[in-house]
PDB file of N, CA and C in Angstrom:
ATOM      1  N   MET A   1     168.688 203.003  -4.128  1.00  0.00           N
ATOM      2  CA  MET A   1     169.468 202.940  -5.348  1.00  0.00           C
ATOM      3  C   MET A   1     170.917 202.604  -5.001  1.00  0.00           C
ATOM      4  N   THR A   2     171.503 201.740  -5.779  1.00  0.00           N
ATOM      5  CA  THR A   2     172.887 201.343  -5.595  1.00  0.00           C
ATOM      6  C   THR A   2     173.806 202.364  -6.255  1.00  0.00           C
ATOM      7  N   ARG A   3     174.883 202.708  -5.554  1.00  0.00           N
ATOM      8  CA  ARG A   3     175.894 203.602  -6.118  1.00  0.00           C
ATOM      9  C   ARG A   3     177.215 202.842  -6.139  1.00  0.00           C
ATOM     10  N   ILE A   4     177.900 202.930  -7.267  1.00  0.00           N
ATOM     11  CA  ILE A   4     179.148 202.204  -7.436  1.00  0.00           C
ATOM     12  C   ILE A   4     180.306 203.184  -7.518  1.00  0.00           C
ATOM     13  N   LEU A   5     181.362 202.847  -6.806  1.00  0.00           N
ATOM     14  CA  LEU A   5     182.601 203.615  -6.873  1.00  0.00           C
ATOM     15  C   LEU A   5     183.707 202.667  -7.305  1.00  0.00           C
ATOM     16  N   VAL A   6     184.575 203.128  -8.188  1.00  0.00           N
ATOM     17  CA  VAL A   6     185.715 202.317  -8.595  1.00  0.00           C
ATOM     18  C   VAL A   6     186.996 203.103  -8.354  1.00  0.00           C
ATOM     19  N   ASP A   7     188.011 202.396  -7.918  1.00  0.00           N
ATOM     20  CA  ASP A   7     189.328 202.989  -7.724  1.00  0.00           C
ATOM     21  C   ASP A   7     190.192 202.538  -8.895  1.00  0.00           C
ATOM     22  N   GLU A   8     190.270 203.380  -9.904  1.00  0.00           N
ATOM     23  CA  GLU A   8     191.007 203.034 -11.120  1.00  0.00           C
ATOM     24  C   GLU A   8     192.488 202.804 -10.843  1.00  0.00           C
ATOM     25  N   GLU A   9     193.011 203.432  -9.803  1.00  0.00           N
ATOM     26  CA  GLU A   9     194.426 203.266  -9.450  1.00  0.00           C
ATOM     27  C   GLU A   9     194.700 201.855  -8.916  1.00  0.00           C
ATOM     28  N   LYS A  10     193.722 201.253  -8.250  1.00  0.00           N
ATOM     29  CA  LYS A  10     193.877 199.903  -7.711  1.00  0.00           C
ATOM     30  C   LYS A  10     193.630 198.825  -8.761  1.00  0.00           C
ATOM     31  N   CYS A  11     192.874 199.163  -9.790  1.00  0.00           N
ATOM     32  CA  CYS A  11     192.465 198.184 -10.798  1.00  0.00           C
ATOM     33  C   CYS A  11     193.683 197.547 -11.465  1.00  0.00           C
ATOM     34  N   VAL A  12     193.644 196.212 -11.581  1.00  0.00           N
ATOM     35  CA  VAL A  12     194.723 195.475 -12.238  1.00  0.00           C
ATOM     36  C   VAL A  12     194.296 194.932 -13.599  1.00  0.00           C
ATOM     37  N   GLY A  13     193.096 195.280 -14.032  1.00  0.00           N
ATOM     38  CA  GLY A  13     192.634 194.880 -15.361  1.00  0.00           C
ATOM     39  C   GLY A  13     192.261 193.421 -15.487  1.00  0.00           C
ATOM     40  N   GLY A  14     191.814 192.812 -14.398  1.00  0.00           N
ATOM     41  CA  GLY A  14     191.449 191.397 -14.425  1.00  0.00           C
ATOM     42  C   GLY A  14     190.223 191.090 -15.267  1.00  0.00           C
ATOM     43  N   GLY A  15     189.334 192.060 -15.425  1.00  0.00           N
ATOM     44  CA  GLY A  15     188.155 191.893 -16.272  1.00  0.00           C
ATOM     45  C   GLY A  15     186.999 191.137 -15.653  1.00  0.00           C
ATOM     46  N   GLN A  16     187.115 190.758 -14.389  1.00  0.00           N
ATOM     47  CA  GLN A  16     186.032 190.020 -13.740  1.00  0.00           C
ATOM     48  C   GLN A  16     184.758 190.850 -13.671  1.00  0.00           C
ATOM     49  N   CYS A  17     184.913 192.155 -13.477  1.00  0.00           N
ATOM     50  CA  CYS A  17     183.744 193.034 -13.385  1.00  0.00           C
ATOM     51  C   CYS A  17     182.972 193.071 -14.698  1.00  0.00           C
ATOM     52  N   VAL A  18     183.693 193.100 -15.795  1.00  0.00           N
ATOM     53  CA  VAL A  18     183.051 193.148 -17.114  1.00  0.00           C
ATOM     54  C   VAL A  18     182.292 191.856 -17.381  1.00  0.00           C
ATOM     55  N   MET A  19     182.867 190.739 -16.983  1.00  0.00           N
ATOM     56  CA  MET A  19     182.184 189.460 -17.189  1.00  0.00           C
ATOM     57  C   MET A  19     180.945 189.339 -16.306  1.00  0.00           C
ATOM     58  N   ALA A  20     181.013 189.878 -15.091  1.00  0.00           N
ATOM     59  CA  ALA A  20     179.886 189.771 -14.161  1.00  0.00           C
ATOM     60  C   ALA A  20     178.774 190.765 -14.461  1.00  0.00           C
ATOM     61  N   ALA A  21     179.134 191.970 -14.902  1.00  0.00           N
ATOM     62  CA  ALA A  21     178.134 193.030 -15.115  1.00  0.00           C
ATOM     63  C   ALA A  21     178.515 193.888 -16.326  1.00  0.00           C
ATOM     64  N   PRO A  22     178.392 193.334 -17.526  1.00  0.00           N
ATOM     65  CA  PRO A  22     178.816 194.064 -18.729  1.00  0.00           C
ATOM     66  C   PRO A  22     178.002 195.318 -19.034  1.00  0.00           C
ATOM     67  N   ALA A  23     176.819 195.434 -18.467  1.00  0.00           N
ATOM     68  CA  ALA A  23     176.021 196.648 -18.684  1.00  0.00           C
ATOM     69  C   ALA A  23     176.503 197.799 -17.804  1.00  0.00           C
ATOM     70  N   VAL A  24     177.321 197.474 -16.811  1.00  0.00           N
ATOM     71  CA  VAL A  24     177.755 198.474 -15.838  1.00  0.00           C
ATOM     72  C   VAL A  24     179.251 198.787 -15.960  1.00  0.00           C
ATOM     73  N   PHE A  25     180.046 197.776 -16.317  1.00  0.00           N
ATOM     74  CA  PHE A  25     181.498 197.937 -16.392  1.00  0.00           C
ATOM     75  C   PHE A  25     182.015 197.621 -17.789  1.00  0.00           C
ATOM     76  N   ASP A  26     183.112 198.270 -18.135  1.00  0.00           N
ATOM     77  CA  ASP A  26     183.848 197.971 -19.362  1.00  0.00           C
ATOM     78  C   ASP A  26     185.325 198.102 -19.017  1.00  0.00           C
ATOM     79  N   GLN A  27     186.176 197.797 -19.995  1.00  0.00           N
ATOM     80  CA  GLN A  27     187.605 197.966 -19.801  1.00  0.00           C
ATOM     81  C   GLN A  27     188.149 198.911 -20.852  1.00  0.00           C
ATOM     82  N   ASP A  28     189.087 199.754 -20.438  1.00  0.00           N
ATOM     83  CA  ASP A  28     189.761 200.664 -21.346  1.00  0.00           C
ATOM     84  C   ASP A  28     190.587 199.841 -22.338  1.00  0.00           C
ATOM     85  N   ASP A  29     190.441 200.135 -23.613  1.00  0.00           N
ATOM     86  CA  ASP A  29     191.147 199.375 -24.646  1.00  0.00           C
ATOM     87  C   ASP A  29     192.664 199.517 -24.552  1.00  0.00           C
ATOM     88  N   ASP A  30     193.136 200.643 -24.073  1.00  0.00           N
ATOM     89  CA  ASP A  30     194.579 200.876 -24.013  1.00  0.00           C
ATOM     90  C   ASP A  30     195.213 200.362 -22.728  1.00  0.00           C
ATOM     91  N   THR A  31     194.576 200.633 -21.598  1.00  0.00           N
ATOM     92  CA  THR A  31     195.180 200.282 -20.309  1.00  0.00           C
ATOM     93  C   THR A  31     194.624 199.002 -19.697  1.00  0.00           C
ATOM     94  N   GLY A  32     193.436 198.599 -20.113  1.00  0.00           N
ATOM     95  CA  GLY A  32     192.789 197.424 -19.540  1.00  0.00           C
ATOM     96  C   GLY A  32     192.091 197.683 -18.226  1.00  0.00           C
ATOM     97  N   THR A  33     192.182 198.914 -17.726  1.00  0.00           N
ATOM     98  CA  THR A  33     191.558 199.216 -16.441  1.00  0.00           C
ATOM     99  C   THR A  33     190.057 199.430 -16.594  1.00  0.00           C
ATOM    100  N   VAL A  34     189.383 199.352 -15.476  1.00  0.00           N
ATOM    101  CA  VAL A  34     187.924 199.435 -15.434  1.00  0.00           C
ATOM    102  C   VAL A  34     187.416 200.788 -15.924  1.00  0.00           C
ATOM    103  N   VAL A  35     186.301 200.726 -16.634  1.00  0.00           N
ATOM    104  CA  VAL A  35     185.551 201.913 -17.040  1.00  0.00           C
ATOM    105  C   VAL A  35     184.145 201.721 -16.486  1.00  0.00           C
ATOM    106  N   LEU A  36     183.703 202.644 -15.667  1.00  0.00           N
ATOM    107  CA  LEU A  36     182.373 202.571 -15.071  1.00  0.00           C
ATOM    108  C   LEU A  36     181.373 203.193 -16.031  1.00  0.00           C
ATOM    109  N   LEU A  37     180.499 202.367 -16.586  1.00  0.00           N
ATOM    110  CA  LEU A  37     179.513 202.839 -17.554  1.00  0.00           C
ATOM    111  C   LEU A  37     178.310 203.489 -16.889  1.00  0.00           C
ATOM    112  N   ASP A  38     177.962 203.011 -15.703  1.00  0.00           N
ATOM    113  CA  ASP A  38     176.778 203.526 -15.013  1.00  0.00           C
ATOM    114  C   ASP A  38     177.018 203.499 -13.505  1.00  0.00           C
ATOM    115  N   PRO A  39     177.300 204.656 -12.883  1.00  0.00           N
ATOM    116  CA  PRO A  39     177.581 204.670 -11.449  1.00  0.00           C
ATOM    117  C   PRO A  39     176.362 204.422 -10.563  1.00  0.00           C
ATOM    118  N   GLU A  40     175.160 204.512 -11.131  1.00  0.00           N
ATOM    119  CA  GLU A  40     173.935 204.268 -10.366  1.00  0.00           C
ATOM    120  C   GLU A  40     172.979 203.397 -11.185  1.00  0.00           C
ATOM    121  N   PRO A  41     173.349 202.134 -11.385  1.00  0.00           N
ATOM    122  CA  PRO A  41     172.500 201.254 -12.193  1.00  0.00           C
ATOM    123  C   PRO A  41     171.194 200.916 -11.483  1.00  0.00           C
ATOM    124  N   GLY A  42     170.223 200.501 -12.255  1.00  0.00           N
ATOM    125  CA  GLY A  42     168.925 200.126 -11.711  1.00  0.00           C
ATOM    126  C   GLY A  42     169.017 198.873 -10.860  1.00  0.00           C
ATOM    127  N   PRO A  43     167.964 198.609 -10.088  1.00  0.00           N
ATOM    128  CA  PRO A  43     167.957 197.469  -9.172  1.00  0.00           C
ATOM    129  C   PRO A  43     168.097 196.118  -9.872  1.00  0.00           C
ATOM    130  N   GLU A  44     167.782 196.067 -11.137  1.00  0.00           N
ATOM    131  CA  GLU A  44     167.927 194.803 -11.869  1.00  0.00           C
ATOM    132  C   GLU A  44     169.389 194.371 -11.997  1.00  0.00           C
ATOM    133  N   TYR A  45     170.328 195.280 -11.727  1.00  0.00           N
ATOM    134  CA  TYR A  45     171.756 194.970 -11.817  1.00  0.00           C
ATOM    135  C   TYR A  45     172.404 194.731 -10.456  1.00  0.00           C
ATOM    136  N   ASP A  46     171.646 194.838  -9.377  1.00  0.00           N
ATOM    137  CA  ASP A  46     172.219 194.720  -8.030  1.00  0.00           C
ATOM    138  C   ASP A  46     173.028 193.441  -7.837  1.00  0.00           C
ATOM    139  N   ASP A  47     172.472 192.308  -8.183  1.00  0.00           N
ATOM    140  CA  ASP A  47     173.177 191.041  -7.981  1.00  0.00           C
ATOM    141  C   ASP A  47     174.457 190.979  -8.805  1.00  0.00           C
ATOM    142  N   ASP A  48     174.387 191.416 -10.055  1.00  0.00           N
ATOM    143  CA  ASP A  48     175.562 191.387 -10.931  1.00  0.00           C
ATOM    144  C   ASP A  48     176.665 192.308 -10.414  1.00  0.00           C
ATOM    145  N   VAL A  49     176.278 193.490  -9.955  1.00  0.00           N
ATOM    146  CA  VAL A  49     177.256 194.458  -9.450  1.00  0.00           C
ATOM    147  C   VAL A  49     177.926 193.933  -8.185  1.00  0.00           C
ATOM    148  N   ARG A  50     177.153 193.346  -7.297  1.00  0.00           N
ATOM    149  CA  ARG A  50     177.733 192.788  -6.070  1.00  0.00           C
ATOM    150  C   ARG A  50     178.677 191.625  -6.397  1.00  0.00           C
ATOM    151  N   GLN A  51     178.302 190.827  -7.368  1.00  0.00           N
ATOM    152  CA  GLN A  51     179.172 189.733  -7.807  1.00  0.00           C
ATOM    153  C   GLN A  51     180.478 190.295  -8.372  1.00  0.00           C
ATOM    154  N   ALA A  52     180.384 191.350  -9.172  1.00  0.00           N
ATOM    155  CA  ALA A  52     181.579 191.980  -9.739  1.00  0.00           C
ATOM    156  C   ALA A  52     182.507 192.476  -8.634  1.00  0.00           C
ATOM    157  N   ALA A  53     181.944 193.099  -7.613  1.00  0.00           N
ATOM    158  CA  ALA A  53     182.754 193.597  -6.495  1.00  0.00           C
ATOM    159  C   ALA A  53     183.426 192.445  -5.754  1.00  0.00           C
ATOM    160  N   ARG A  54     182.708 191.347  -5.553  1.00  0.00           N
ATOM    161  CA  ARG A  54     183.282 190.181  -4.865  1.00  0.00           C
ATOM    162  C   ARG A  54     184.413 189.554  -5.676  1.00  0.00           C
ATOM    163  N   LEU A  55     184.267 189.537  -6.992  1.00  0.00           N
ATOM    164  CA  LEU A  55     185.252 188.885  -7.853  1.00  0.00           C
ATOM    165  C   LEU A  55     186.483 189.734  -8.143  1.00  0.00           C
ATOM    166  N   CYS A  56     186.400 191.025  -7.912  1.00  0.00           N
ATOM    167  CA  CYS A  56     187.504 191.926  -8.255  1.00  0.00           C
ATOM    168  C   CYS A  56     188.773 191.538  -7.492  1.00  0.00           C
ATOM    169  N   PRO A  57     189.843 191.136  -8.205  1.00  0.00           N
ATOM    170  CA  PRO A  57     191.062 190.709  -7.514  1.00  0.00           C
ATOM    171  C   PRO A  57     191.791 191.851  -6.806  1.00  0.00           C
ATOM    172  N   ALA A  58     191.530 193.082  -7.212  1.00  0.00           N
ATOM    173  CA  ALA A  58     192.204 194.235  -6.605  1.00  0.00           C
ATOM    174  C   ALA A  58     191.335 194.938  -5.561  1.00  0.00           C
ATOM    175  N   VAL A  59     190.127 194.444  -5.358  1.00  0.00           N
ATOM    176  CA  VAL A  59     189.167 195.060  -4.438  1.00  0.00           C
ATOM    177  C   VAL A  59     189.022 196.552  -4.784  1.00  0.00           C
ATOM    178  N   ALA A  60     188.831 196.821  -6.074  1.00  0.00           N
ATOM    179  CA  ALA A  60     188.761 198.195  -6.577  1.00  0.00           C
ATOM    180  C   ALA A  60     187.334 198.703  -6.730  1.00  0.00           C
ATOM    181  N   ILE A  61     186.345 197.866  -6.417  1.00  0.00           N
ATOM    182  CA  ILE A  61     184.940 198.236  -6.600  1.00  0.00           C
ATOM    183  C   ILE A  61     184.249 198.307  -5.241  1.00  0.00           C
ATOM    184  N   THR A  62     183.581 199.424  -5.004  1.00  0.00           N
ATOM    185  CA  THR A  62     182.796 199.605  -3.786  1.00  0.00           C
ATOM    186  C   THR A  62     181.341 199.780  -4.179  1.00  0.00           C
ATOM    187  N   VAL A  63     180.465 199.022  -3.532  1.00  0.00           N
ATOM    188  CA  VAL A  63     179.031 199.129  -3.773  1.00  0.00           C
ATOM    189  C   VAL A  63     178.401 199.745  -2.530  1.00  0.00           C
ATOM    190  N   ALA A  64     177.758 200.888  -2.717  1.00  0.00           N
ATOM    191  CA  ALA A  64     177.125 201.592  -1.598  1.00  0.00           C
ATOM    192  C   ALA A  64     175.623 201.644  -1.820  1.00  0.00           C
ATOM    193  N   THR A  65     174.883 201.332  -0.777  1.00  0.00           N
ATOM    194  CA  THR A  65     173.428 201.445  -0.833  1.00  0.00           C
ATOM    195  C   THR A  65     172.987 202.337   0.311  1.00  0.00           C
ATOM    196  N   PRO A  66     171.967 203.152   0.059  1.00  0.00           N
ATOM    197  CA  PRO A  66     171.503 204.056   1.122  1.00  0.00           C
ATOM    198  C   PRO A  66     170.858 203.302   2.274  1.00  0.00           C
TER     199      PRO A  66
END
């Protein structure tokens, strides 16, 4: 199972994560920073989550797999 960690302090609100994996990430309406909707999404989201981590301009997303 994939586990996702986000560093909200590093997030610059670029929104790349939301575009890559909208079922897993959202953005706070007030601050624009990342909101993690599902820290352990199913395997069907693995590719999208990895893409989101690669695209993050602040490198604020960590994807961990056992």
